[in-house]
N, C-alpha and C. Protein backbone atom coordinates (compact mmCIF):
# COMPACT_ATOMS: atom_id res chain seq x y z
N MET A 1 -60.94 -48.59 197.30
CA MET A 1 -61.46 -47.50 198.09
C MET A 1 -61.03 -47.68 199.54
N PRO A 2 -60.53 -46.65 200.21
CA PRO A 2 -60.13 -46.79 201.60
C PRO A 2 -61.31 -47.16 202.48
N LYS A 3 -61.00 -47.84 203.57
CA LYS A 3 -62.03 -48.33 204.48
C LYS A 3 -62.92 -47.20 204.99
N ASP A 4 -62.33 -46.05 205.35
CA ASP A 4 -63.10 -44.92 205.88
C ASP A 4 -64.09 -44.39 204.85
N THR A 5 -63.70 -44.34 203.58
CA THR A 5 -64.58 -43.86 202.52
C THR A 5 -65.74 -44.81 202.34
N THR A 6 -65.49 -46.10 202.40
CA THR A 6 -66.54 -47.10 202.27
C THR A 6 -67.52 -46.96 203.43
N ALA A 7 -67.04 -46.76 204.64
CA ALA A 7 -67.91 -46.58 205.80
C ALA A 7 -68.75 -45.32 205.64
N THR A 8 -68.16 -44.26 205.12
CA THR A 8 -68.88 -43.01 204.91
C THR A 8 -70.01 -43.20 203.92
N ILE A 9 -69.76 -43.95 202.85
CA ILE A 9 -70.79 -44.23 201.85
C ILE A 9 -71.91 -45.06 202.47
N ARG A 10 -71.54 -46.08 203.26
CA ARG A 10 -72.56 -46.89 203.93
C ARG A 10 -73.39 -46.04 204.89
N HIS A 11 -72.73 -45.13 205.60
CA HIS A 11 -73.46 -44.25 206.52
C HIS A 11 -74.42 -43.35 205.75
N ALA A 12 -73.99 -42.84 204.60
CA ALA A 12 -74.85 -41.98 203.78
C ALA A 12 -76.07 -42.75 203.29
N GLU A 13 -75.87 -44.00 202.88
CA GLU A 13 -76.99 -44.83 202.43
C GLU A 13 -77.95 -45.12 203.58
N GLU A 14 -77.41 -45.42 204.75
CA GLU A 14 -78.26 -45.69 205.92
C GLU A 14 -79.01 -44.43 206.33
N LEU A 15 -78.34 -43.29 206.29
CA LEU A 15 -78.99 -42.03 206.64
C LEU A 15 -80.14 -41.74 205.67
N ALA A 16 -79.94 -41.99 204.39
CA ALA A 16 -81.00 -41.78 203.41
C ALA A 16 -82.20 -42.68 203.72
N ARG A 17 -81.95 -43.92 204.10
CA ARG A 17 -83.01 -44.86 204.45
C ARG A 17 -83.77 -44.37 205.69
N LEU A 18 -83.04 -43.93 206.70
CA LEU A 18 -83.66 -43.46 207.94
C LEU A 18 -84.39 -42.14 207.72
N ASP A 19 -83.86 -41.28 206.86
CA ASP A 19 -84.55 -40.04 206.51
C ASP A 19 -85.89 -40.32 205.84
N ARG A 20 -85.91 -41.30 204.93
CA ARG A 20 -87.17 -41.67 204.27
C ARG A 20 -88.20 -42.16 205.29
N MET A 21 -87.74 -42.98 206.24
CA MET A 21 -88.64 -43.49 207.26
C MET A 21 -89.16 -42.34 208.12
N ALA A 22 -88.29 -41.42 208.53
CA ALA A 22 -88.70 -40.27 209.34
C ALA A 22 -89.71 -39.41 208.59
N HIS A 23 -89.46 -39.21 207.30
CA HIS A 23 -90.39 -38.43 206.48
C HIS A 23 -91.76 -39.12 206.40
N LEU A 24 -91.77 -40.42 206.19
CA LEU A 24 -93.04 -41.16 206.14
C LEU A 24 -93.79 -41.04 207.47
N MET A 25 -93.07 -41.14 208.55
CA MET A 25 -93.71 -41.10 209.87
C MET A 25 -94.20 -39.71 210.25
N ASP A 26 -93.50 -38.65 209.82
CA ASP A 26 -93.82 -37.31 210.32
C ASP A 26 -94.30 -36.30 209.27
N ALA A 27 -94.05 -36.54 208.00
CA ALA A 27 -94.35 -35.49 207.02
C ALA A 27 -94.79 -36.01 205.66
N ARG A 28 -95.37 -37.19 205.60
CA ARG A 28 -95.72 -37.81 204.33
C ARG A 28 -96.84 -37.08 203.59
N PHE A 29 -97.81 -36.56 204.33
CA PHE A 29 -98.99 -35.95 203.74
C PHE A 29 -99.00 -34.45 204.01
N LYS A 30 -99.69 -33.73 203.11
CA LYS A 30 -99.84 -32.28 203.31
C LYS A 30 -101.29 -31.93 203.02
N VAL A 31 -101.96 -31.35 204.04
CA VAL A 31 -103.34 -30.93 203.90
C VAL A 31 -103.45 -29.52 204.47
N PHE A 32 -103.99 -28.60 203.67
CA PHE A 32 -104.15 -27.20 204.09
C PHE A 32 -102.85 -26.61 204.61
N GLY A 33 -101.73 -26.98 204.02
CA GLY A 33 -100.44 -26.45 204.41
C GLY A 33 -99.79 -27.15 205.60
N PHE A 34 -100.50 -28.08 206.23
CA PHE A 34 -99.96 -28.81 207.38
C PHE A 34 -99.41 -30.15 206.93
N ARG A 35 -98.20 -30.44 207.37
CA ARG A 35 -97.58 -31.74 207.06
C ARG A 35 -97.77 -32.67 208.24
N PHE A 36 -98.07 -33.93 207.93
CA PHE A 36 -98.20 -34.97 208.95
C PHE A 36 -97.91 -36.30 208.30
N GLY A 37 -97.68 -37.28 209.12
CA GLY A 37 -97.34 -38.60 208.58
C GLY A 37 -98.09 -39.70 209.28
N TYR A 38 -97.58 -40.90 209.09
CA TYR A 38 -98.25 -42.07 209.65
C TYR A 38 -98.26 -42.06 211.18
N ASP A 39 -97.28 -41.40 211.80
CA ASP A 39 -97.25 -41.30 213.26
C ASP A 39 -98.51 -40.59 213.75
N SER A 40 -98.86 -39.50 213.12
CA SER A 40 -100.06 -38.75 213.52
C SER A 40 -101.33 -39.55 213.24
N LEU A 41 -101.36 -40.23 212.11
CA LEU A 41 -102.55 -41.03 211.78
C LEU A 41 -102.71 -42.21 212.73
N LEU A 42 -101.62 -42.91 213.01
CA LEU A 42 -101.69 -44.04 213.94
C LEU A 42 -102.07 -43.58 215.34
N GLY A 43 -101.63 -42.37 215.71
CA GLY A 43 -101.96 -41.82 217.02
C GLY A 43 -103.45 -41.63 217.23
N LEU A 44 -104.20 -41.57 216.15
CA LEU A 44 -105.66 -41.40 216.26
C LEU A 44 -106.36 -42.70 216.67
N ILE A 45 -105.66 -43.83 216.59
CA ILE A 45 -106.25 -45.12 217.00
C ILE A 45 -106.16 -45.20 218.52
N PRO A 46 -107.30 -45.19 219.20
CA PRO A 46 -107.27 -45.20 220.67
C PRO A 46 -106.58 -46.44 221.24
N GLY A 47 -105.77 -46.20 222.24
CA GLY A 47 -105.15 -47.31 222.97
C GLY A 47 -103.86 -47.84 222.40
N ILE A 48 -103.82 -48.14 221.12
CA ILE A 48 -102.64 -48.82 220.57
C ILE A 48 -101.89 -48.04 219.49
N GLY A 49 -102.49 -46.98 218.98
CA GLY A 49 -101.89 -46.25 217.86
C GLY A 49 -100.51 -45.71 218.16
N ASP A 50 -100.37 -45.06 219.31
CA ASP A 50 -99.06 -44.49 219.66
C ASP A 50 -98.03 -45.58 219.94
N THR A 51 -98.48 -46.70 220.48
CA THR A 51 -97.57 -47.82 220.75
C THR A 51 -97.07 -48.42 219.44
N ILE A 52 -97.95 -48.51 218.45
CA ILE A 52 -97.54 -49.03 217.14
C ILE A 52 -96.51 -48.10 216.50
N SER A 53 -96.75 -46.79 216.58
CA SER A 53 -95.82 -45.85 215.95
C SER A 53 -94.51 -45.71 216.73
N LEU A 54 -94.47 -46.25 217.94
CA LEU A 54 -93.23 -46.21 218.72
C LEU A 54 -92.15 -47.11 218.11
N ALA A 55 -92.55 -48.20 217.47
CA ALA A 55 -91.58 -49.16 216.92
C ALA A 55 -90.62 -48.52 215.91
N PRO A 56 -91.11 -47.83 214.86
CA PRO A 56 -90.15 -47.22 213.92
C PRO A 56 -89.31 -46.13 214.58
N SER A 57 -89.90 -45.41 215.52
CA SER A 57 -89.15 -44.36 216.23
C SER A 57 -88.01 -44.96 217.04
N ALA A 58 -88.31 -46.04 217.75
CA ALA A 58 -87.28 -46.72 218.54
C ALA A 58 -86.22 -47.33 217.63
N TRP A 59 -86.63 -47.83 216.48
CA TRP A 59 -85.67 -48.41 215.52
C TRP A 59 -84.67 -47.35 215.06
N LEU A 60 -85.15 -46.13 214.80
CA LEU A 60 -84.26 -45.05 214.38
C LEU A 60 -83.21 -44.78 215.46
N VAL A 61 -83.64 -44.74 216.72
CA VAL A 61 -82.70 -44.50 217.83
C VAL A 61 -81.72 -45.66 217.94
N TRP A 62 -82.20 -46.88 217.80
CA TRP A 62 -81.34 -48.07 217.86
C TRP A 62 -80.29 -48.06 216.75
N ARG A 63 -80.70 -47.69 215.54
CA ARG A 63 -79.74 -47.63 214.42
C ARG A 63 -78.70 -46.54 214.67
N ALA A 64 -79.13 -45.43 215.25
CA ALA A 64 -78.18 -44.36 215.57
C ALA A 64 -77.14 -44.88 216.55
N HIS A 65 -77.58 -45.64 217.52
CA HIS A 65 -76.64 -46.25 218.48
C HIS A 65 -75.66 -47.16 217.76
N GLN A 66 -76.16 -47.98 216.85
CA GLN A 66 -75.30 -48.88 216.09
C GLN A 66 -74.31 -48.13 215.20
N LEU A 67 -74.68 -46.94 214.76
CA LEU A 67 -73.82 -46.15 213.89
C LEU A 67 -72.82 -45.32 214.68
N GLY A 68 -72.81 -45.48 216.00
CA GLY A 68 -71.79 -44.84 216.81
C GLY A 68 -72.12 -43.44 217.30
N VAL A 69 -73.38 -43.07 217.29
CA VAL A 69 -73.78 -41.76 217.81
C VAL A 69 -73.50 -41.75 219.31
N PRO A 70 -72.91 -40.67 219.82
CA PRO A 70 -72.59 -40.60 221.25
C PRO A 70 -73.83 -40.70 222.15
N LYS A 71 -73.60 -41.17 223.37
CA LYS A 71 -74.70 -41.38 224.32
C LYS A 71 -75.52 -40.13 224.57
N ARG A 72 -74.88 -38.99 224.62
CA ARG A 72 -75.59 -37.73 224.86
C ARG A 72 -76.63 -37.47 223.76
N LYS A 73 -76.24 -37.69 222.52
CA LYS A 73 -77.16 -37.49 221.41
C LYS A 73 -78.23 -38.59 221.38
N ILE A 74 -77.85 -39.80 221.72
CA ILE A 74 -78.84 -40.89 221.83
C ILE A 74 -79.86 -40.52 222.90
N GLY A 75 -79.39 -39.93 223.99
CA GLY A 75 -80.30 -39.48 225.05
C GLY A 75 -81.29 -38.45 224.55
N ARG A 76 -80.81 -37.49 223.76
CA ARG A 76 -81.72 -36.48 223.18
C ARG A 76 -82.74 -37.14 222.27
N MET A 77 -82.28 -38.11 221.48
CA MET A 77 -83.19 -38.81 220.59
C MET A 77 -84.24 -39.60 221.39
N ALA A 78 -83.79 -40.23 222.47
CA ALA A 78 -84.71 -41.00 223.31
C ALA A 78 -85.74 -40.08 223.96
N VAL A 79 -85.30 -38.90 224.40
CA VAL A 79 -86.24 -37.93 224.99
C VAL A 79 -87.27 -37.49 223.94
N ASN A 80 -86.82 -37.20 222.72
CA ASN A 80 -87.76 -36.83 221.65
C ASN A 80 -88.79 -37.93 221.44
N THR A 81 -88.33 -39.16 221.37
CA THR A 81 -89.23 -40.30 221.15
C THR A 81 -90.17 -40.47 222.35
N GLY A 82 -89.64 -40.34 223.55
CA GLY A 82 -90.46 -40.47 224.75
C GLY A 82 -91.53 -39.40 224.84
N VAL A 83 -91.15 -38.15 224.56
CA VAL A 83 -92.13 -37.06 224.58
C VAL A 83 -93.22 -37.31 223.55
N ASP A 84 -92.82 -37.72 222.36
CA ASP A 84 -93.79 -38.02 221.31
C ASP A 84 -94.76 -39.11 221.76
N TYR A 85 -94.23 -40.14 222.40
CA TYR A 85 -95.07 -41.26 222.84
C TYR A 85 -95.99 -40.86 223.98
N VAL A 86 -95.42 -40.24 225.01
CA VAL A 86 -96.21 -39.91 226.21
C VAL A 86 -97.26 -38.84 225.89
N VAL A 87 -96.83 -37.75 225.25
CA VAL A 87 -97.77 -36.68 224.94
C VAL A 87 -98.80 -37.15 223.92
N GLY A 88 -98.35 -37.92 222.93
CA GLY A 88 -99.27 -38.44 221.92
C GLY A 88 -100.31 -39.38 222.48
N SER A 89 -100.04 -39.98 223.63
CA SER A 89 -100.98 -40.90 224.26
C SER A 89 -102.15 -40.19 224.94
N ILE A 90 -102.04 -38.89 225.15
CA ILE A 90 -103.13 -38.12 225.76
C ILE A 90 -104.23 -37.94 224.71
N PRO A 91 -105.45 -38.37 225.02
CA PRO A 91 -106.53 -38.24 224.03
C PRO A 91 -106.74 -36.80 223.58
N VAL A 92 -107.02 -36.61 222.36
CA VAL A 92 -107.34 -35.37 221.66
C VAL A 92 -106.19 -34.35 221.71
N ILE A 93 -105.86 -33.83 222.88
CA ILE A 93 -104.79 -32.83 222.99
C ILE A 93 -103.46 -33.42 222.51
N GLY A 94 -103.17 -34.64 222.91
CA GLY A 94 -101.95 -35.30 222.48
C GLY A 94 -101.90 -35.48 220.98
N ASP A 95 -103.06 -35.79 220.38
CA ASP A 95 -103.12 -35.96 218.93
C ASP A 95 -102.82 -34.64 218.22
N LEU A 96 -103.32 -33.54 218.75
CA LEU A 96 -103.05 -32.22 218.15
C LEU A 96 -101.57 -31.87 218.27
N ILE A 97 -101.00 -32.10 219.44
CA ILE A 97 -99.58 -31.81 219.65
C ILE A 97 -98.72 -32.72 218.77
N ASP A 98 -99.16 -33.95 218.59
CA ASP A 98 -98.44 -34.93 217.77
C ASP A 98 -98.29 -34.44 216.33
N PHE A 99 -99.27 -33.67 215.84
CA PHE A 99 -99.17 -33.12 214.49
C PHE A 99 -98.04 -32.11 214.37
N GLY A 100 -97.68 -31.45 215.47
CA GLY A 100 -96.65 -30.43 215.42
C GLY A 100 -95.27 -30.89 215.89
N PHE A 101 -95.23 -31.86 216.78
CA PHE A 101 -93.95 -32.32 217.33
C PHE A 101 -93.46 -33.49 216.49
N LYS A 102 -92.50 -33.25 215.66
CA LYS A 102 -92.00 -34.25 214.69
C LYS A 102 -90.76 -34.93 215.23
N ALA A 103 -90.94 -35.88 216.15
CA ALA A 103 -89.82 -36.54 216.82
C ALA A 103 -88.90 -37.27 215.85
N ASN A 104 -89.47 -37.95 214.87
CA ASN A 104 -88.64 -38.72 213.94
C ASN A 104 -87.77 -37.81 213.07
N LEU A 105 -88.35 -36.69 212.62
CA LEU A 105 -87.55 -35.75 211.83
C LEU A 105 -86.47 -35.10 212.69
N ARG A 106 -86.79 -34.81 213.95
CA ARG A 106 -85.79 -34.26 214.87
C ARG A 106 -84.65 -35.26 215.07
N ASN A 107 -85.02 -36.52 215.27
CA ASN A 107 -84.01 -37.56 215.50
C ASN A 107 -83.16 -37.79 214.26
N ALA A 108 -83.78 -37.77 213.09
CA ALA A 108 -83.02 -37.93 211.84
C ALA A 108 -82.04 -36.77 211.67
N ALA A 109 -82.44 -35.57 212.09
CA ALA A 109 -81.55 -34.40 212.00
C ALA A 109 -80.35 -34.56 212.94
N ILE A 110 -80.59 -35.08 214.15
CA ILE A 110 -79.49 -35.33 215.08
C ILE A 110 -78.52 -36.34 214.49
N LEU A 111 -79.05 -37.42 213.92
CA LEU A 111 -78.21 -38.44 213.29
C LEU A 111 -77.45 -37.86 212.11
N ARG A 112 -78.13 -37.09 211.27
CA ARG A 112 -77.48 -36.49 210.09
C ARG A 112 -76.33 -35.58 210.52
N GLU A 113 -76.58 -34.75 211.53
CA GLU A 113 -75.54 -33.84 212.03
C GLU A 113 -74.32 -34.63 212.51
N HIS A 114 -74.56 -35.70 213.25
CA HIS A 114 -73.44 -36.50 213.75
C HIS A 114 -72.66 -37.14 212.60
N LEU A 115 -73.36 -37.74 211.65
CA LEU A 115 -72.67 -38.43 210.55
C LEU A 115 -71.93 -37.44 209.66
N GLU A 116 -72.49 -36.24 209.47
CA GLU A 116 -71.79 -35.23 208.67
C GLU A 116 -70.52 -34.77 209.37
N GLN A 117 -70.60 -34.56 210.69
CA GLN A 117 -69.40 -34.18 211.45
C GLN A 117 -68.36 -35.30 211.39
N ASP A 118 -68.82 -36.54 211.48
CA ASP A 118 -67.93 -37.69 211.41
C ASP A 118 -67.25 -37.76 210.03
N ALA A 119 -68.00 -37.49 208.97
CA ALA A 119 -67.44 -37.52 207.62
C ALA A 119 -66.38 -36.44 207.45
N VAL A 120 -66.61 -35.26 208.03
CA VAL A 120 -65.62 -34.18 207.96
C VAL A 120 -64.34 -34.60 208.69
N ARG A 121 -64.51 -35.23 209.85
CA ARG A 121 -63.34 -35.70 210.61
C ARG A 121 -62.55 -36.72 209.80
N VAL A 122 -63.24 -37.65 209.16
CA VAL A 122 -62.58 -38.68 208.36
C VAL A 122 -61.86 -38.02 207.18
N ALA A 123 -62.50 -37.05 206.54
CA ALA A 123 -61.88 -36.38 205.40
C ALA A 123 -60.61 -35.66 205.83
N ARG A 124 -60.64 -35.03 207.01
CA ARG A 124 -59.42 -34.35 207.50
C ARG A 124 -58.31 -35.35 207.77
N ASP A 125 -58.69 -36.53 208.28
CA ASP A 125 -57.69 -37.54 208.62
C ASP A 125 -57.02 -38.14 207.39
N VAL A 126 -57.73 -38.23 206.26
CA VAL A 126 -57.16 -38.86 205.06
C VAL A 126 -56.62 -37.85 204.06
N THR A 127 -56.81 -36.56 204.31
CA THR A 127 -56.29 -35.54 203.42
C THR A 127 -54.78 -35.45 203.55
N PRO A 128 -54.05 -35.58 202.43
CA PRO A 128 -52.59 -35.49 202.50
C PRO A 128 -52.16 -34.09 202.94
N ARG A 129 -51.15 -34.06 203.73
CA ARG A 129 -50.62 -32.77 204.21
C ARG A 129 -49.32 -32.49 203.47
N GLY A 130 -49.21 -31.29 203.01
CA GLY A 130 -48.07 -30.96 202.18
C GLY A 130 -47.17 -30.03 202.76
């Protein structure tokens, strides 16, 4: 298998792993039609809940950096994570907003978009021209 194809497969596996984590953090449960995850539940713990949920969010951004996502997109991901953390830290109102602002799912979408565009570029580069 060519090196680029192997990298694309590894990226797809990593994206699937990060998507699962984002789903757990932001959309694992559904009650009365509303989706929420462990990020929202942890945010209910006064003082430390949002800080605890920051770790998986930061890990997603770090992995995106390792996978070669451009700085501009990493910046967007960092802003999403920062907004989630800062706004979620506000008692009561922040918890309500946290249920609607799905930073991890947004960040996973940014990563997915980048890796899909990268895969298309690789496919164009290895496609024989006739």
